[in-house]
Structures are given as structure tokens and as C-alpha cells.
């Protein structure tokens, strides 16, 4: 192996979301550093099997802002209705007029 190209492998302390900690070896940080986890196997749905609905970073709000949706427009879209402005009985008459 080449000298001086590999990162330093040292002991660090990993702190879980519930406050428990353990010591391991890593190339992260410096000797004796403490790594705090935001997500760990005790809280992540992939390991717990419990689904959580969390809007991290306002993704839903960004979507609404981007596409100009308000509470009423979102409710209409959720119900499966489309607002075209024309009455349903007017559409066949217009289509029949175009065919002649």
C-alpha cells in the first residue's frame, strides 16, 4: 500500500436519537469526536415498520406554490373533478356544430 493516502481510522462516539451512545471506529471527524444521528434504526420506518407522515422542508407547500394551488383548488383536484368553466350540456352542442 502507498503511504499517506489513506484517511485516519480512529475511535468516535455515535449518539442515537434517543440519547444512547456507543463507540466505534470511523474515518469521520477526529479522534474522540461525537456524531449525532438525526435518523437511526430505532426511529426510521424502514426498520420499525411504522409509517410517519412528515413534511420535511415544506415539500407539499413548495408543490402548491409552484402550481398555484390553494385550499379550494386542492380540494377540487382531490375529489377528482375538473373545473373547465363550461356546463356539461353545452359540450355536445358545440361538438355537433363542429361536425356539420
N, C-alpha and C. Protein backbone atom coordinates (compact mmCIF):
# COMPACT_ATOMS: atom_id res chain seq x y z
N UNK A 1 0.82 -1.18 0.00
CA UNK A 1 0.00 0.00 0.00
C UNK A 1 0.87 1.24 0.00
N UNK A 2 0.30 2.29 -0.59
CA UNK A 2 1.02 3.55 -0.59
C UNK A 2 0.89 4.22 0.77
N UNK A 3 1.94 4.94 1.17
CA UNK A 3 1.92 5.66 2.44
C UNK A 3 1.20 7.00 2.27
N UNK A 4 0.54 7.43 3.34
CA UNK A 4 -0.06 8.76 3.46
C UNK A 4 -1.19 9.05 2.47
N UNK A 5 -1.87 8.03 1.94
CA UNK A 5 -3.01 8.29 1.07
C UNK A 5 -4.32 7.84 1.72
N UNK A 6 -4.25 7.10 2.81
CA UNK A 6 -5.45 6.58 3.45
C UNK A 6 -5.89 7.50 4.58
N UNK A 7 -7.21 7.66 4.77
CA UNK A 7 -7.68 8.52 5.86
C UNK A 7 -7.38 7.90 7.22
N UNK A 8 -7.34 8.74 8.24
CA UNK A 8 -7.08 8.31 9.60
C UNK A 8 -8.28 7.53 10.13
N UNK A 9 -8.05 6.34 10.65
CA UNK A 9 -9.10 5.47 11.19
C UNK A 9 -8.99 5.52 12.70
N UNK A 10 -10.00 6.09 13.37
CA UNK A 10 -9.91 6.36 14.80
C UNK A 10 -11.26 6.10 15.48
N UNK A 11 -11.27 6.19 16.81
CA UNK A 11 -12.49 5.97 17.58
C UNK A 11 -13.32 7.24 17.67
N UNK A 12 -14.66 7.09 17.47
CA UNK A 12 -15.60 8.18 17.65
C UNK A 12 -16.78 7.66 18.48
N UNK A 13 -17.59 8.58 18.97
CA UNK A 13 -18.80 8.21 19.70
C UNK A 13 -20.00 8.56 18.84
N UNK A 14 -20.91 7.60 18.65
CA UNK A 14 -22.14 7.82 17.88
C UNK A 14 -23.28 7.97 18.88
N UNK A 15 -24.03 9.08 18.78
CA UNK A 15 -25.15 9.35 19.67
C UNK A 15 -26.45 9.17 18.87
N UNK A 16 -27.29 8.24 19.34
CA UNK A 16 -28.55 7.94 18.67
C UNK A 16 -29.59 9.02 18.99
N UNK A 17 -30.75 8.95 18.32
CA UNK A 17 -31.79 9.98 18.51
C UNK A 17 -32.38 9.96 19.91
N UNK A 18 -32.37 8.82 20.59
CA UNK A 18 -32.93 8.75 21.94
C UNK A 18 -31.90 9.10 23.02
N UNK A 19 -30.69 9.45 22.62
CA UNK A 19 -29.66 9.86 23.59
C UNK A 19 -28.66 8.78 23.93
N UNK A 20 -28.95 7.52 23.60
CA UNK A 20 -27.97 6.47 23.86
C UNK A 20 -26.79 6.63 22.93
N UNK A 21 -25.65 6.10 23.33
CA UNK A 21 -24.45 6.25 22.51
C UNK A 21 -23.62 4.97 22.53
N UNK A 22 -22.76 4.85 21.55
CA UNK A 22 -21.82 3.74 21.51
C UNK A 22 -20.54 4.22 20.83
N UNK A 23 -19.48 3.51 21.05
CA UNK A 23 -18.19 3.88 20.50
C UNK A 23 -17.86 2.94 19.34
N UNK A 24 -17.33 3.51 18.26
CA UNK A 24 -16.95 2.73 17.09
C UNK A 24 -15.74 3.37 16.44
N UNK A 25 -15.21 2.71 15.43
CA UNK A 25 -14.09 3.28 14.68
C UNK A 25 -14.61 3.79 13.35
N UNK A 26 -14.06 4.92 12.90
CA UNK A 26 -14.52 5.55 11.68
C UNK A 26 -13.45 6.47 11.12
N UNK A 27 -13.65 6.89 9.89
CA UNK A 27 -12.77 7.90 9.29
C UNK A 27 -13.41 9.28 9.40
N UNK A 28 -14.65 9.35 9.97
CA UNK A 28 -15.36 10.61 10.12
C UNK A 28 -14.78 11.42 11.27
N UNK A 29 -14.63 12.70 11.10
CA UNK A 29 -14.20 13.59 12.18
C UNK A 29 -12.79 13.33 12.67
N UNK A 30 -12.58 13.67 13.92
CA UNK A 30 -11.27 13.48 14.55
C UNK A 30 -11.41 12.52 15.73
N UNK A 31 -10.31 12.07 16.24
CA UNK A 31 -10.29 11.16 17.40
C UNK A 31 -11.14 11.73 18.54
N UNK A 32 -12.09 10.93 19.04
CA UNK A 32 -12.92 11.35 20.16
C UNK A 32 -14.12 12.20 19.77
N UNK A 33 -14.35 12.44 18.49
CA UNK A 33 -15.49 13.26 18.05
C UNK A 33 -16.80 12.55 18.34
N UNK A 34 -17.88 13.31 18.40
CA UNK A 34 -19.21 12.77 18.68
C UNK A 34 -20.11 13.01 17.47
N UNK A 35 -20.65 11.94 16.89
CA UNK A 35 -21.53 12.01 15.73
C UNK A 35 -22.97 11.85 16.20
N UNK A 36 -23.80 12.90 16.03
CA UNK A 36 -25.20 12.84 16.44
C UNK A 36 -26.05 12.46 15.22
N UNK A 37 -26.88 11.44 15.37
CA UNK A 37 -27.72 10.97 14.28
C UNK A 37 -29.10 11.63 14.32
N UNK A 38 -29.63 12.00 13.15
CA UNK A 38 -30.99 12.51 13.04
C UNK A 38 -31.97 11.35 12.83
N UNK A 39 -31.52 10.35 12.10
CA UNK A 39 -32.34 9.17 11.81
C UNK A 39 -31.49 7.95 12.14
N UNK A 40 -32.08 7.01 12.85
CA UNK A 40 -31.35 5.79 13.18
C UNK A 40 -32.31 4.59 13.13
N UNK A 41 -31.82 3.39 13.28
CA UNK A 41 -32.68 2.21 13.19
C UNK A 41 -33.80 2.16 14.23
N UNK A 42 -33.69 2.93 15.31
CA UNK A 42 -34.74 2.93 16.32
C UNK A 42 -35.93 3.79 15.92
N UNK A 43 -35.73 4.74 14.99
CA UNK A 43 -36.81 5.65 14.61
C UNK A 43 -37.19 5.58 13.15
N UNK A 44 -36.36 5.04 12.28
CA UNK A 44 -36.64 5.05 10.84
C UNK A 44 -37.68 3.99 10.49
N UNK A 45 -38.69 4.35 9.66
CA UNK A 45 -39.76 3.41 9.31
C UNK A 45 -39.27 2.15 8.61
N UNK A 46 -38.14 2.20 7.95
CA UNK A 46 -37.63 1.01 7.27
C UNK A 46 -37.31 -0.10 8.27
N UNK A 47 -36.93 0.27 9.47
CA UNK A 47 -36.61 -0.73 10.49
C UNK A 47 -37.75 -0.95 11.48
N UNK A 48 -38.54 0.10 11.76
CA UNK A 48 -39.59 -0.03 12.75
C UNK A 48 -40.89 -0.57 12.17
N UNK A 49 -41.12 -0.34 10.87
CA UNK A 49 -42.36 -0.76 10.23
C UNK A 49 -43.50 0.20 10.46
N UNK A 50 -43.26 1.32 11.13
CA UNK A 50 -44.28 2.32 11.40
C UNK A 50 -44.08 3.47 10.42
N UNK A 51 -45.14 3.78 9.68
CA UNK A 51 -45.04 4.86 8.71
C UNK A 51 -45.29 6.19 9.39
N UNK A 52 -44.51 7.18 9.02
CA UNK A 52 -44.68 8.53 9.55
C UNK A 52 -44.90 9.47 8.39
N UNK A 53 -45.82 10.37 8.53
CA UNK A 53 -46.06 11.37 7.50
C UNK A 53 -45.44 12.68 7.96
N UNK A 54 -44.26 12.95 7.47
CA UNK A 54 -43.53 14.14 7.87
C UNK A 54 -43.25 14.96 6.61
N UNK A 55 -43.61 16.22 6.65
CA UNK A 55 -43.34 17.12 5.53
C UNK A 55 -42.04 17.85 5.83
N UNK A 56 -40.92 17.22 5.50
CA UNK A 56 -39.62 17.82 5.78
C UNK A 56 -39.29 18.86 4.72
N UNK A 57 -39.00 20.05 5.14
CA UNK A 57 -38.60 21.09 4.22
C UNK A 57 -39.75 21.72 3.47
N UNK A 58 -41.00 21.44 3.82
CA UNK A 58 -42.15 22.06 3.16
C UNK A 58 -42.36 21.62 1.74
N UNK A 59 -42.16 20.34 1.44
CA UNK A 59 -42.32 19.85 0.08
C UNK A 59 -43.73 20.06 -0.45
N UNK A 60 -44.73 19.81 0.37
CA UNK A 60 -46.11 19.98 -0.06
C UNK A 60 -46.39 21.44 -0.36
N UNK A 61 -45.93 22.32 0.50
CA UNK A 61 -46.15 23.75 0.29
C UNK A 61 -45.44 24.24 -0.96
N UNK A 62 -44.22 23.76 -1.20
CA UNK A 62 -43.50 24.14 -2.42
C UNK A 62 -44.25 23.68 -3.66
N UNK A 63 -44.85 22.49 -3.61
CA UNK A 63 -45.64 21.98 -4.73
C UNK A 63 -46.85 22.88 -4.97
N UNK A 64 -47.54 23.23 -3.89
CA UNK A 64 -48.71 24.10 -4.02
C UNK A 64 -48.32 25.47 -4.56
N UNK A 65 -47.22 26.01 -4.08
CA UNK A 65 -46.76 27.32 -4.56
C UNK A 65 -46.36 27.25 -6.03
N UNK A 66 -45.71 26.19 -6.42
CA UNK A 66 -45.23 26.05 -7.79
C UNK A 66 -46.37 25.95 -8.79
N UNK A 67 -47.41 25.22 -8.42
CA UNK A 67 -48.51 25.01 -9.34
C UNK A 67 -49.72 25.88 -9.01
N UNK A 68 -49.57 26.83 -8.10
CA UNK A 68 -50.60 27.80 -7.81
C UNK A 68 -51.85 27.23 -7.19
N UNK A 69 -51.70 26.23 -6.37
CA UNK A 69 -52.87 25.59 -5.76
C UNK A 69 -53.15 26.21 -4.40
N UNK A 70 -54.42 26.48 -4.17
CA UNK A 70 -54.84 26.95 -2.86
C UNK A 70 -55.65 25.85 -2.22
N UNK A 71 -56.22 26.11 -1.08
CA UNK A 71 -57.01 25.10 -0.37
C UNK A 71 -58.21 24.64 -1.17
N UNK A 72 -58.91 25.56 -1.86
CA UNK A 72 -60.11 25.18 -2.62
C UNK A 72 -59.75 24.43 -3.88
N UNK A 73 -58.69 24.85 -4.57
CA UNK A 73 -58.29 24.16 -5.80
C UNK A 73 -57.77 22.77 -5.48
N UNK A 74 -57.05 22.64 -4.38
CA UNK A 74 -56.53 21.35 -3.98
C UNK A 74 -57.66 20.40 -3.63
N UNK A 75 -58.69 20.91 -2.95
CA UNK A 75 -59.84 20.08 -2.58
C UNK A 75 -60.57 19.62 -3.83
N UNK A 76 -60.71 20.50 -4.82
CA UNK A 76 -61.39 20.11 -6.05
C UNK A 76 -60.61 19.05 -6.80
N UNK A 77 -59.30 19.18 -6.82
CA UNK A 77 -58.49 18.18 -7.51
C UNK A 77 -58.52 16.86 -6.78
N UNK A 78 -58.55 16.90 -5.46
CA UNK A 78 -58.58 15.69 -4.67
C UNK A 78 -59.88 14.92 -4.86
N UNK A 79 -60.97 15.64 -5.17
CA UNK A 79 -62.26 15.00 -5.36
C UNK A 79 -62.38 14.39 -6.75
N UNK A 80 -61.43 14.65 -7.63
CA UNK A 80 -61.46 14.08 -8.97
C UNK A 80 -62.30 14.89 -9.94
N UNK A 81 -62.60 16.13 -9.61
CA UNK A 81 -63.39 16.97 -10.51
C UNK A 81 -62.47 17.94 -11.21
N UNK A 82 -62.84 18.28 -12.42
CA UNK A 82 -62.08 19.27 -13.17
C UNK A 82 -62.98 20.46 -13.41
N UNK A 83 -62.45 21.63 -13.25
CA UNK A 83 -63.21 22.83 -13.47
C UNK A 83 -62.83 23.41 -14.81
N UNK A 84 -63.69 23.22 -15.84
CA UNK A 84 -63.37 23.73 -17.17
C UNK A 84 -64.12 25.01 -17.47
N UNK A 85 -65.13 25.35 -16.65
CA UNK A 85 -65.87 26.58 -16.87
C UNK A 85 -67.09 26.37 -17.75
N UNK A 86 -67.17 25.31 -18.52
CA UNK A 86 -68.31 25.04 -19.39
C UNK A 86 -69.25 24.07 -18.72
N UNK A 87 -70.54 24.25 -18.98
CA UNK A 87 -71.52 23.33 -18.42
C UNK A 87 -71.50 22.04 -19.23
N UNK A 88 -71.74 20.89 -18.62
CA UNK A 88 -71.69 19.62 -19.34
C UNK A 88 -72.65 19.55 -20.51
N UNK A 89 -73.83 20.20 -20.42
CA UNK A 89 -74.78 20.11 -21.52
C UNK A 89 -74.38 20.95 -22.73
N UNK A 90 -73.45 21.90 -22.56
CA UNK A 90 -73.00 22.73 -23.68
C UNK A 90 -72.00 22.00 -24.57
N UNK A 91 -71.25 21.07 -24.03
CA UNK A 91 -70.20 20.40 -24.80
C UNK A 91 -70.75 19.62 -26.00
N UNK A 92 -71.79 18.79 -25.87
CA UNK A 92 -72.28 18.07 -27.05
C UNK A 92 -72.80 19.00 -28.14
N UNK A 93 -73.42 20.11 -27.76
CA UNK A 93 -73.94 21.03 -28.76
C UNK A 93 -72.81 21.64 -29.57
N UNK A 94 -71.71 22.00 -28.91
CA UNK A 94 -70.55 22.56 -29.61
C UNK A 94 -69.91 21.51 -30.50
N UNK A 95 -69.83 20.29 -30.03
CA UNK A 95 -69.22 19.22 -30.82
C UNK A 95 -70.07 18.92 -32.04
N UNK A 96 -71.39 18.95 -31.89
CA UNK A 96 -72.30 18.70 -33.02
C UNK A 96 -72.20 19.82 -34.04
N UNK A 97 -72.02 21.05 -33.59
CA UNK A 97 -71.91 22.18 -34.50
C UNK A 97 -70.64 22.09 -35.31
N UNK A 98 -69.57 21.58 -34.75
CA UNK A 98 -68.31 21.46 -35.49
C UNK A 98 -68.37 20.37 -36.55
N UNK A 99 -69.16 19.32 -36.33
CA UNK A 99 -69.24 18.22 -37.27
C UNK A 99 -69.97 18.60 -38.54
N UNK A 100 -70.90 19.58 -38.52
CA UNK A 100 -71.71 19.95 -39.69
C UNK A 100 -70.94 20.68 -40.72
